[in-house]
Protein backbone atom coordinates (compact mmCIF):
# COMPACT_ATOMS: atom_id res chain seq x y z
CA UNK A 1 20.28 -20.55 -29.83
CA UNK A 2 21.66 -23.79 -28.47
CA UNK A 3 20.67 -24.85 -24.94
CA UNK A 4 23.39 -26.56 -22.93
CA UNK A 5 22.53 -29.18 -20.31
CA UNK A 6 26.09 -29.72 -19.06
CA UNK A 7 26.58 -31.00 -15.55
CA UNK A 8 30.29 -30.23 -15.48
CA UNK A 9 32.60 -27.85 -17.24
CA UNK A 10 32.53 -24.17 -18.13
CA UNK A 11 28.83 -24.20 -19.15
CA UNK A 12 27.77 -25.65 -15.83
CA UNK A 13 29.89 -23.12 -13.90
CA UNK A 14 28.46 -20.26 -15.92
CA UNK A 15 24.93 -21.52 -15.25
CA UNK A 16 25.65 -21.79 -11.51
CA UNK A 17 27.10 -18.27 -11.48
CA UNK A 18 24.02 -16.93 -13.24
CA UNK A 19 21.72 -18.67 -10.73
CA UNK A 20 23.77 -17.25 -7.84
CA UNK A 21 23.33 -13.73 -9.26
CA UNK A 22 19.58 -14.20 -9.54
CA UNK A 23 19.16 -15.41 -5.94
CA UNK A 24 17.67 -12.96 -3.50
CA UNK A 25 20.21 -11.58 -1.07
CA UNK A 26 19.16 -10.89 2.50
CA UNK A 27 21.14 -9.71 5.49
CA UNK A 28 19.42 -9.75 8.84
CA UNK A 29 21.40 -6.80 10.16
CA UNK A 30 22.34 -5.82 13.68
CA UNK A 31 20.04 -4.99 16.59
CA UNK A 32 19.97 -1.26 15.79
CA UNK A 33 18.84 -1.95 12.23
CA UNK A 34 16.13 -4.33 13.41
CA UNK A 35 14.96 -1.76 15.95
CA UNK A 36 14.79 0.91 13.25
CA UNK A 37 12.83 -1.42 10.98
CA UNK A 38 10.37 -2.21 13.78
CA UNK A 39 9.92 1.51 14.51
CA UNK A 40 9.15 2.16 10.84
CA UNK A 41 6.67 -0.70 10.75
CA UNK A 42 4.94 0.39 13.95
CA UNK A 43 4.78 3.94 12.62
CA UNK A 44 3.69 3.31 9.05
CA UNK A 45 1.37 0.30 9.16
CA UNK A 46 -1.41 1.93 11.25
CA UNK A 47 -1.29 5.02 9.04
CA UNK A 48 -1.41 2.94 5.88
CA UNK A 49 -4.36 0.97 7.29
CA UNK A 50 -6.22 4.23 8.06
CA UNK A 51 -5.41 5.68 4.64
CA UNK A 52 -6.70 2.56 2.89
CA UNK A 53 -9.89 2.65 4.94
CA UNK A 54 -10.43 6.31 3.94
CA UNK A 55 -9.85 5.34 0.31
CA UNK A 56 -12.42 2.55 0.59
CA UNK A 57 -14.95 4.99 2.04
CA UNK A 58 -14.19 7.50 -0.72
CA UNK A 59 -14.61 4.80 -3.35
CA UNK A 60 -18.21 4.32 -2.21
CA UNK A 61 -19.02 8.03 -2.46
CA UNK A 62 -20.48 9.58 -5.60
CA UNK A 63 -17.78 11.03 -7.83
CA UNK A 64 -19.30 14.53 -7.70
CA UNK A 65 -18.93 14.53 -3.92
CA UNK A 66 -15.29 13.42 -4.12
CA UNK A 67 -14.47 16.08 -6.73
CA UNK A 68 -16.11 18.79 -4.63
CA UNK A 69 -14.04 17.76 -1.59
CA UNK A 70 -10.84 17.81 -3.67
CA UNK A 71 -11.65 21.33 -4.91
CA UNK A 72 -12.11 22.49 -1.31
CA UNK A 73 -8.74 21.00 -0.32
CA UNK A 74 -7.03 22.56 -3.35
CA UNK A 75 -8.51 25.97 -2.51
CA UNK A 76 -7.18 25.74 1.06
CA UNK A 77 -3.77 24.68 -0.25
CA UNK A 78 -3.65 27.69 -2.60
CA UNK A 79 -4.45 30.06 0.27
CA UNK A 80 -1.69 28.50 2.37
CA UNK A 81 0.78 28.70 -0.50
CA UNK A 82 -0.11 32.34 -1.15
CA UNK A 83 0.36 33.11 2.57
CA UNK A 84 3.76 31.41 2.56
CA UNK A 85 4.88 33.26 -0.55
CA UNK A 86 3.76 36.61 0.89
CA UNK A 87 5.48 35.92 4.20
CA UNK A 88 8.67 34.92 2.40
CA UNK A 89 8.53 38.07 0.26
CA UNK A 90 8.05 40.24 3.33
CA UNK A 91 11.01 38.64 5.08
CA UNK A 92 13.19 39.06 2.01
CA UNK A 93 12.10 42.70 1.75
CA UNK A 94 13.21 43.35 5.34
CA UNK A 95 16.72 42.01 4.72
């Protein structure tokens, strides 16, 4: 493949167009959009920080302890799911 180092002409224009496509596009947005972005940041960053801290603590725990905790959570989730399914079935039966 031949590399073209043209400064003018169709090759140069094609190269400029390709560079323009690759550039990152950013629009600041209006005040409502900025306010929404700030709300999302203020909402999500503290939760992400807390989640990462919990993950760091879990990473220091023995694996057997982590697996036991996950089993407990899964068991509670199954009970909740079963309760929801039964409640839904009862409601459907009444209709």
